[in-house]
Protein backbone atom coordinates (compact mmCIF):
# COMPACT_ATOMS: atom_id res chain seq x y z
CA MET A 1 92.08 91.18 76.10
CA SER A 2 93.40 94.82 76.83
CA LYS A 3 94.67 95.77 80.20
CA ILE A 4 93.23 99.23 81.38
CA ILE A 5 95.06 101.34 83.81
CA PHE A 6 93.01 104.03 85.76
CA GLN A 7 94.85 106.75 87.65
CA ILE A 8 93.92 109.08 90.27
CA ASN A 9 96.09 111.96 90.33
CA TYR A 10 96.41 114.86 93.01
CA ASP A 11 98.38 117.03 95.36
CA ILE A 12 98.34 116.70 98.96
CA LEU A 13 98.40 119.20 101.79
CA PRO A 14 102.50 119.43 102.60
CA GLU A 15 101.63 119.58 106.52
CA LYS A 16 99.64 116.49 106.20
CA ARG A 17 102.24 114.58 104.20
CA GLU A 18 103.15 111.85 107.02
CA ASP A 19 99.40 111.38 107.89
CA TYR A 20 98.81 111.02 104.34
CA LEU A 21 101.37 108.45 103.46
CA THR A 22 100.14 106.35 106.75
CA ALA A 23 96.56 106.33 105.19
CA ILE A 24 97.55 105.33 101.71
CA LYS A 25 99.95 102.59 102.67
CA GLU A 26 96.97 101.31 104.74
CA LEU A 27 94.72 101.83 101.29
CA LYS A 28 97.34 99.91 99.57
CA SER A 29 97.58 97.10 101.80
CA HIS A 30 94.04 96.45 102.19
CA ILE A 31 93.34 96.84 98.21
CA ASN A 32 96.03 94.49 97.66
CA SER A 33 95.02 91.95 99.93
CA ASN A 34 91.44 92.04 98.85
CA ALA A 35 91.44 92.36 95.00
CA ASP A 36 92.49 90.59 92.01
CA LYS A 37 93.75 93.86 90.60
CA THR A 38 97.29 95.45 90.95
CA TYR A 39 97.12 98.93 92.81
CA PHE A 40 100.13 100.76 93.90
CA VAL A 41 100.94 104.63 94.59
CA VAL A 42 103.23 106.75 92.91
CA GLU A 43 104.98 110.10 94.00
CA ASP A 44 105.98 112.66 91.13
CA LYS A 45 109.84 112.74 90.92
CA ASN A 46 109.82 116.61 89.86
CA LYS A 47 106.72 117.68 92.03
CA GLU A 48 107.01 117.06 95.83
CA ASN A 49 103.63 116.08 97.45
CA ASN A 50 101.92 115.09 94.15
CA PHE A 51 100.51 111.75 93.92
CA THR A 52 99.05 108.97 91.59
CA GLU A 53 97.03 106.12 92.32
CA MET A 54 96.81 103.23 89.99
CA TYR A 55 94.83 100.36 89.28
CA ILE A 56 95.69 97.93 86.60
CA CYS A 57 92.61 95.96 85.68
CA ASN A 58 93.06 92.77 83.14
CA ASN A 59 89.91 93.51 81.27
CA GLU A 60 87.22 95.90 81.16
CA THR A 61 84.98 94.20 83.37
CA GLU A 62 87.52 94.29 86.00
CA TYR A 63 88.06 98.08 85.52
CA GLU A 64 84.10 98.75 85.38
CA ASN A 65 83.75 97.03 88.78
CA ILE A 66 86.47 98.87 90.44
CA GLU A 67 83.82 101.25 92.39
CA ASN A 68 81.52 98.06 92.92
CA ASN A 69 83.95 96.44 94.75
CA MET A 70 84.51 99.23 97.09
CA ASP A 71 84.14 97.69 100.75
CA ASP A 72 83.52 100.15 103.64
CA ALA A 73 87.66 100.31 104.56
CA VAL A 74 88.28 101.42 101.15
CA PHE A 75 85.33 103.73 100.76
CA GLU A 76 86.51 105.31 104.46
CA LEU A 77 90.11 105.47 103.80
CA THR A 78 89.30 107.33 100.36
CA ASN A 79 86.81 109.90 101.87
CA ARG A 80 89.55 110.57 104.32
CA MET A 81 92.13 111.28 101.41
CA PHE A 82 89.72 113.93 99.83
CA ASN A 83 88.65 115.29 102.98
CA ASP A 84 91.45 115.58 105.14
CA TYR A 85 94.52 115.55 102.59
CA ILE A 86 93.80 116.35 98.89
CA ILE A 87 94.34 120.17 98.18
CA ASP A 88 91.02 121.45 97.27
CA LYS A 89 89.27 117.90 97.27
CA LYS A 90 90.53 117.75 93.55
CA ALA A 91 91.80 114.99 91.37
CA LYS A 92 92.54 114.27 87.93
CA TYR A 93 91.18 110.74 86.62
CA THR A 94 92.89 109.35 83.79
CA THR A 95 91.96 106.09 82.04
CA LEU A 96 94.68 104.06 79.50
CA PHE A 97 93.47 101.28 77.68
CA GLU A 98 96.60 98.85 76.17
CA ILE A 99 96.81 98.68 72.64
CA ASP A 100 96.49 95.05 71.08
């Protein structure tokens, strides 16, 4: 079965960088300790304060259940990201399917 990569890309407010890093580390720790999928966050090497959250799902069912599996902590942290740190509350979503 093909893996699926789900990406959420956004720019953060430079003056909120340290607060963002604290919150995203908390989110990463929570997701990775409570989910079967792989989740990590990367920063663009050539564009400071541009981050991408990446979920690697083992199959389509796992991908389709990303939102359904969000608990209150994930929901609150995600809302904080958009309301407090992400510029204009805008993100780009990309879904990639592995070629068999």
